[in-house]
Amino acid sequence: MTGLHDIVARLGTVVGIPVVPYAPDGGVDLALAGKLTDRLITSGLGAITPNGNTGEFYALSARERADVARTVVDVAGDRAVAIVGIGLDPATAQAEARQAAELGAHAIMVHQPVLPYMSRRGWVEYTAAVANAVPRLAVLPYVSSPVIRGTDIAVLTRRAANVVGIKYSVPDPVKFAETVQETDADLLWIAGLAESYAPSAWQAGARAFTSGLVNVAPEISFALLDALRQDDAERAAAVWRRIRRFEQLRARDRSADNVSVVKEAMHQMGLCDRSVRPPSTTLADAGRADVARILDDWKVRA
């Protein structure tokens, strides 16, 4: 890939957020992480984000985050756009952004700051500082608070020219449409709440969506992408109905089982262990049975 324009062109797709598999001793199984990354890219995934929320970013140590990023970036090569998730305090975020650049990543996704007291101007300053630390990388801020407005995003793009897109994860289609309209900048909008919100976000201007489901059934995610690209509302709705129960399980109790449902499905397919780290927990028997029924209905294979 030759530059930011080329990277942005390749980002209009399904942006997969890979899980992090754990070994029996509880550590990260890097060898398996590499195999799972290759499985996703071989299936046709064109953009991948190690250290995203489905990758349990906040449950990993700094060393583990670096190891996971290195593994995924190395396996992806130039076959897919590698977007490393970074965040936490400003110094850590900037350091891990530079580390991602050194690893050969094509882009970074900047998690929204976790400090509970976030001002709009403070968000701009935080994100701009991270973006300016890696001027040659494409930067995709993760917006999950309705406090952030389109005017704030426009200010950010003037402070950091390498901010090329926004991963928008506020569960409000109207707010998303308003934010797109208020942002006076040419950006790629990514529906950050995955397949469930992709159809409505597409109508407002999104041209990509993130996915944890892709870890389980890549063909379903790609079918939705194709339907949206072809403006085939009927086919998109059919895919949406097919995945609805799976995504409902992930979203219940304020997304308490977001990762656990994905890993349970992968466990039942023989891809990785179901284990997750606190504060997440594995599914109870009823949840495991729900996942088994969904997989039977989908007829997916590892």
Protein backbone atom coordinates (compact mmCIF):
# COMPACT_ATOMS: atom_id res chain seq x y z
CA MET A 1 0.00 0.00 0.00
CA THR A 2 1.44 3.31 -1.06
CA GLY A 3 -0.31 5.92 1.06
CA LEU A 4 -3.33 7.13 2.98
CA HIS A 5 -5.54 7.34 -0.11
CA ASP A 6 -4.88 3.70 -0.96
CA ILE A 7 -5.59 2.63 2.62
CA VAL A 8 -8.88 4.56 2.76
CA ALA A 9 -9.98 2.97 -0.51
CA ARG A 10 -9.42 -0.47 1.01
CA LEU A 11 -11.21 0.35 4.26
CA GLY A 12 -14.67 0.51 2.70
CA THR A 13 -15.43 -3.05 3.71
CA VAL A 14 -16.05 -5.35 6.67
CA VAL A 15 -13.58 -4.39 9.40
CA GLY A 16 -13.06 -7.58 11.40
CA ILE A 17 -12.28 -7.40 15.12
CA PRO A 18 -10.54 -10.69 15.96
CA VAL A 19 -10.87 -12.43 19.29
CA VAL A 20 -7.80 -13.19 21.39
CA PRO A 21 -7.55 -16.93 22.10
CA TYR A 22 -6.24 -18.04 25.48
CA ALA A 23 -4.05 -21.04 26.25
CA PRO A 24 -4.86 -23.51 29.07
CA ASP A 25 -2.56 -21.56 31.42
CA GLY A 26 -4.59 -18.40 30.82
CA GLY A 27 -2.00 -16.63 28.68
CA VAL A 28 -2.54 -15.44 25.12
CA ASP A 29 -2.11 -18.23 22.56
CA LEU A 30 -0.20 -16.27 19.92
CA ALA A 31 0.25 -19.23 17.59
CA LEU A 32 -3.50 -19.75 17.47
CA ALA A 33 -4.07 -16.00 17.12
CA GLY A 34 -1.96 -16.16 13.99
CA LYS A 35 -3.92 -19.10 12.61
CA LEU A 36 -7.24 -17.38 13.28
CA THR A 37 -5.98 -14.23 11.59
CA ASP A 38 -4.98 -16.23 8.52
CA ARG A 39 -8.41 -17.92 8.49
CA LEU A 40 -10.13 -14.54 8.42
CA ILE A 41 -7.95 -13.09 5.69
CA THR A 42 -8.11 -16.25 3.59
CA SER A 43 -11.90 -16.05 3.83
CA GLY A 44 -11.73 -12.64 2.16
CA LEU A 45 -11.51 -10.19 5.06
CA GLY A 46 -9.83 -7.02 3.84
CA ALA A 47 -9.40 -5.05 7.09
CA ILE A 48 -8.59 -6.31 10.57
CA THR A 49 -8.29 -4.60 13.96
CA PRO A 50 -6.20 -6.37 16.60
CA ASN A 51 -6.74 -5.00 20.11
CA GLY A 52 -10.31 -3.96 19.51
CA ASN A 53 -13.10 -4.52 22.02
CA THR A 54 -13.89 -8.00 20.70
CA GLY A 55 -10.18 -8.62 21.26
CA GLU A 56 -10.61 -7.76 24.98
CA PHE A 57 -8.32 -4.73 24.70
CA TYR A 58 -8.84 -3.60 28.29
CA ALA A 59 -8.17 -7.08 29.72
CA LEU A 60 -4.72 -7.37 28.11
CA SER A 61 -1.40 -6.24 29.54
CA ALA A 62 0.83 -3.85 27.59
CA ARG A 63 3.09 -6.76 26.61
CA GLU A 64 0.13 -8.84 25.47
CA ARG A 65 -1.27 -5.98 23.40
CA ALA A 66 2.11 -5.59 21.69
CA ASP A 67 2.39 -9.33 21.05
CA VAL A 68 -1.13 -9.56 19.63
CA ALA A 69 -0.55 -6.54 17.37
CA ARG A 70 2.74 -7.96 16.10
CA THR A 71 1.19 -11.35 15.41
CA VAL A 72 -1.78 -10.01 13.47
CA VAL A 73 0.23 -7.43 11.52
CA ASP A 74 2.84 -10.02 10.53
CA VAL A 75 0.24 -12.53 9.37
CA ALA A 76 -1.83 -9.92 7.54
CA GLY A 77 1.09 -8.41 5.65
CA ASP A 78 -0.35 -6.49 2.73
CA ARG A 79 -3.21 -8.95 2.25
CA ALA A 80 -5.42 -6.84 4.51
CA VAL A 81 -5.34 -3.39 6.09
CA ALA A 82 -4.02 -3.86 9.63
CA ILE A 83 -5.56 -1.34 12.05
CA VAL A 84 -4.09 -1.63 15.54
CA GLY A 85 -6.31 -0.57 18.43
CA ILE A 86 -4.62 1.77 20.91
CA GLY A 87 -5.80 3.87 23.83
CA LEU A 88 -5.67 4.38 27.61
CA ASP A 89 -3.70 7.37 29.02
CA PRO A 90 -2.20 9.85 26.53
CA ALA A 91 1.40 8.70 26.98
CA THR A 92 0.49 5.02 26.56
CA ALA A 93 -1.69 5.75 23.53
CA GLN A 94 1.07 7.70 21.78
CA ALA A 95 3.70 5.10 22.63
CA GLU A 96 1.57 2.22 21.37
CA ALA A 97 0.68 4.18 18.24
CA ARG A 98 4.39 4.58 17.46
CA GLN A 99 4.89 0.91 18.24
CA ALA A 100 2.15 0.03 15.73
CA ALA A 101 3.93 2.10 13.09
CA GLU A 102 7.19 0.29 13.81
CA LEU A 103 5.43 -3.07 13.45
CA GLY A 104 4.27 -2.12 9.98
CA ALA A 105 0.59 -1.47 10.70
CA HIS A 106 -1.31 0.54 8.10
CA ALA A 107 -3.56 2.36 10.55
CA ILE A 108 -4.56 2.77 14.17
CA MET A 109 -7.99 2.84 15.77
CA VAL A 110 -8.02 5.19 18.76
CA HIS A 111 -10.29 3.91 21.52
CA GLN A 112 -12.39 6.60 23.14
CA PRO A 113 -10.74 7.73 26.41
CA VAL A 114 -11.97 5.81 29.45
CA LEU A 115 -11.73 8.74 31.88
CA PRO A 116 -15.35 9.41 32.90
CA TYR A 117 -14.92 13.18 32.70
CA MET A 118 -14.41 13.85 29.01
CA SER A 119 -14.98 17.25 27.46
CA ARG A 120 -15.45 17.72 23.74
CA ARG A 121 -12.31 19.85 23.46
CA GLY A 122 -10.41 17.34 25.58
CA TRP A 123 -11.37 14.54 23.20
CA VAL A 124 -10.08 16.56 20.25
CA GLU A 125 -6.80 17.30 22.03
CA TYR A 126 -6.30 13.68 23.10
CA THR A 127 -7.01 12.23 19.66
CA ALA A 128 -5.00 14.86 17.80
CA ALA A 129 -1.96 14.22 20.00
CA VAL A 130 -2.14 10.49 19.23
CA ALA A 131 -2.66 11.06 15.51
CA ASN A 132 0.20 13.54 15.27
CA ALA A 133 2.53 11.02 16.92
CA VAL A 134 2.18 8.83 13.80
CA PRO A 135 1.69 11.22 10.86
CA ARG A 136 2.21 8.50 8.23
CA LEU A 137 -0.45 6.17 9.59
CA ALA A 138 -4.16 6.40 8.84
CA VAL A 139 -6.07 7.19 12.04
CA LEU A 140 -9.62 6.06 12.85
CA PRO A 141 -11.01 7.54 16.08
CA TYR A 142 -13.59 5.42 17.88
CA VAL A 143 -16.57 7.61 18.83
CA SER A 144 -18.90 5.95 21.32
CA SER A 145 -20.23 9.00 23.17
CA PRO A 146 -23.09 11.19 21.91
CA VAL A 147 -21.26 14.13 23.47
CA ILE A 148 -18.91 14.22 20.48
CA ARG A 149 -20.43 16.21 17.61
CA GLY A 150 -19.70 16.58 13.96
CA THR A 151 -18.20 20.01 14.58
CA ASP A 152 -15.69 18.45 17.00
CA ILE A 153 -14.70 15.86 14.40
CA ALA A 154 -14.23 18.62 11.84
CA VAL A 155 -11.89 20.46 14.24
CA LEU A 156 -9.95 17.23 14.75
CA THR A 157 -9.40 16.74 11.02
CA ARG A 158 -7.90 20.22 10.82
CA ARG A 159 -5.57 19.39 13.72
CA ALA A 160 -4.54 16.00 12.29
CA ALA A 161 -4.66 15.47 8.53
CA ASN A 162 -4.17 11.69 8.87
CA VAL A 163 -7.58 11.25 10.51
CA VAL A 164 -9.23 9.61 7.52
CA GLY A 165 -12.30 7.99 9.01
CA ILE A 166 -14.51 7.59 12.06
CA LYS A 167 -15.66 4.41 13.75
CA TYR A 168 -19.03 5.58 15.08
CA SER A 169 -20.61 3.48 17.82
CA VAL A 170 -23.37 5.56 19.37
CA PRO A 171 -26.56 3.41 19.28
CA ASP A 172 -28.69 6.19 17.79
CA PRO A 173 -29.25 6.22 13.99
CA VAL A 174 -30.58 9.77 14.05
CA LYS A 175 -27.56 11.01 16.00
CA PHE A 176 -25.27 9.30 13.52
CA ALA A 177 -27.00 10.95 10.55
CA GLU A 178 -26.80 14.35 12.23
CA THR A 179 -23.10 13.87 13.04
CA VAL A 180 -22.29 12.98 9.43
CA GLN A 181 -24.12 16.06 8.19
CA GLU A 182 -22.43 18.35 10.75
CA THR A 183 -18.91 17.16 9.92
CA ASP A 184 -17.37 19.40 7.29
CA ALA A 185 -14.73 16.89 6.19
CA ASP A 186 -14.25 14.10 3.66
CA LEU A 187 -14.15 11.02 5.86
CA LEU A 188 -14.89 7.32 5.69
CA TRP A 189 -17.69 6.54 8.13
CA ILE A 190 -17.60 3.09 9.70
CA ALA A 191 -20.65 1.67 11.44
CA GLY A 192 -18.99 0.66 14.69
CA LEU A 193 -21.92 -1.29 16.12
CA ALA A 194 -21.47 -4.02 13.56
CA GLU A 195 -24.06 -5.76 11.38
CA SER A 196 -27.07 -4.80 13.51
CA TYR A 197 -26.66 -1.08 12.78
CA ALA A 198 -25.01 -1.33 9.37
CA PRO A 199 -28.18 -1.00 7.23
CA SER A 200 -29.39 2.17 8.97
CA ALA A 201 -25.86 3.62 9.11
CA TRP A 202 -25.43 2.93 5.39
CA GLN A 203 -28.42 5.12 4.61
CA ALA A 204 -26.75 7.98 6.50
CA GLY A 205 -23.39 7.66 4.76
CA ALA A 206 -21.43 4.76 6.28
CA ARG A 207 -19.46 2.70 3.77
CA ALA A 208 -17.98 0.11 6.11
CA PHE A 209 -18.92 -1.72 9.29
CA THR A 210 -17.06 -3.48 12.05
CA SER A 211 -17.74 -7.11 12.87
CA GLY A 212 -17.17 -9.63 15.62
CA LEU A 213 -19.54 -12.06 13.91
CA VAL A 214 -16.99 -12.41 11.11
CA ASN A 215 -14.89 -14.54 13.48
CA VAL A 216 -17.66 -17.13 13.32
CA ALA A 217 -19.27 -16.89 9.89
CA PRO A 218 -17.39 -14.59 7.49
CA GLU A 219 -19.71 -15.44 4.61
CA ILE A 220 -22.68 -13.92 6.45
CA SER A 221 -20.87 -10.62 7.06
CA PHE A 222 -19.73 -10.48 3.45
CA ALA A 223 -23.28 -11.19 2.25
CA LEU A 224 -24.53 -8.16 4.16
CA LEU A 225 -21.75 -5.98 2.76
CA ASP A 226 -22.59 -7.05 -0.78
CA ALA A 227 -26.29 -6.38 -0.28
CA LEU A 228 -25.57 -2.88 1.04
CA ARG A 229 -23.19 -2.12 -1.81
CA GLN A 230 -25.80 -3.25 -4.32
CA ASP A 231 -28.50 -1.19 -2.59
CA ASP A 232 -30.51 -4.39 -2.21
CA ALA A 233 -32.63 -3.58 0.84
CA GLU A 234 -34.58 -6.85 0.70
CA ARG A 235 -31.45 -9.00 0.74
CA ALA A 236 -29.85 -6.86 3.46
CA ALA A 237 -32.98 -7.26 5.58
CA ALA A 238 -32.87 -11.03 5.11
CA VAL A 239 -29.29 -11.16 6.37
CA TRP A 240 -30.18 -8.87 9.26
CA ARG A 241 -33.01 -11.18 10.31
CA ARG A 242 -30.69 -14.18 10.08
CA ILE A 243 -28.14 -12.72 12.50
CA ARG A 244 -30.60 -10.95 14.79
CA ARG A 245 -30.72 -13.55 17.58
CA PHE A 246 -26.92 -13.88 17.69
CA GLU A 247 -26.46 -10.13 17.98
CA GLN A 248 -29.23 -9.89 20.56
CA LEU A 249 -27.37 -12.36 22.74
CA ARG A 250 -24.24 -10.25 22.44
CA ALA A 251 -26.08 -7.01 23.24
CA ARG A 252 -28.10 -8.06 26.28
CA ASP A 253 -27.30 -6.59 29.69
CA ARG A 254 -25.45 -3.70 28.08
CA SER A 255 -23.27 -6.01 25.96
CA ALA A 256 -22.09 -8.08 28.93
CA ASP A 257 -21.72 -11.15 26.67
CA ASN A 258 -20.44 -9.38 23.57
CA VAL A 259 -17.21 -11.35 23.42
CA SER A 260 -18.45 -14.43 25.26
CA VAL A 261 -21.07 -15.24 22.61
CA VAL A 262 -18.50 -15.02 19.81
CA LYS A 263 -16.00 -17.18 21.67
CA GLU A 264 -18.66 -19.72 22.61
CA ALA A 265 -19.58 -20.11 18.95
CA MET A 266 -15.92 -20.48 18.01
CA HIS A 267 -15.45 -23.03 20.80
CA GLN A 268 -18.35 -25.11 19.51
CA MET A 269 -16.83 -24.95 16.03
CA GLY A 270 -13.47 -26.17 17.38
CA LEU A 271 -11.66 -22.90 16.60
CA CYS A 272 -10.60 -21.75 20.08
CA ASP A 273 -11.41 -22.08 23.76
CA ARG A 274 -14.47 -20.27 25.12
CA SER A 275 -12.49 -18.61 27.94
CA VAL A 276 -12.66 -14.85 28.50
CA ARG A 277 -11.11 -12.63 31.14
CA PRO A 278 -12.89 -10.70 33.88
CA PRO A 279 -14.93 -8.57 33.91
CA SER A 280 -16.42 -10.75 31.13
CA THR A 281 -17.65 -14.26 31.95
CA THR A 282 -18.33 -17.38 29.90
CA LEU A 283 -21.93 -18.20 29.03
CA ALA A 284 -24.13 -20.29 31.27
CA ASP A 285 -25.69 -23.49 29.93
CA ALA A 286 -28.77 -21.74 28.55
CA GLY A 287 -26.62 -19.31 26.56
CA ARG A 288 -24.48 -22.13 25.21
CA ALA A 289 -27.60 -23.93 24.04
CA ASP A 290 -28.83 -20.75 22.31
CA VAL A 291 -25.53 -20.47 20.45
CA ALA A 292 -25.68 -24.15 19.44
CA ARG A 293 -29.15 -23.64 17.94
CA ILE A 294 -27.96 -20.62 15.98
CA LEU A 295 -24.98 -22.50 14.56
CA ASP A 296 -27.24 -25.38 13.57
CA ASP A 297 -29.53 -22.93 11.78
CA TRP A 298 -26.60 -21.25 10.02
CA LYS A 299 -24.98 -24.58 9.09
CA VAL A 300 -21.53 -23.00 9.48
CA ARG A 301 -18.31 -24.96 9.54
CA ALA A 302 -14.86 -24.14 10.90
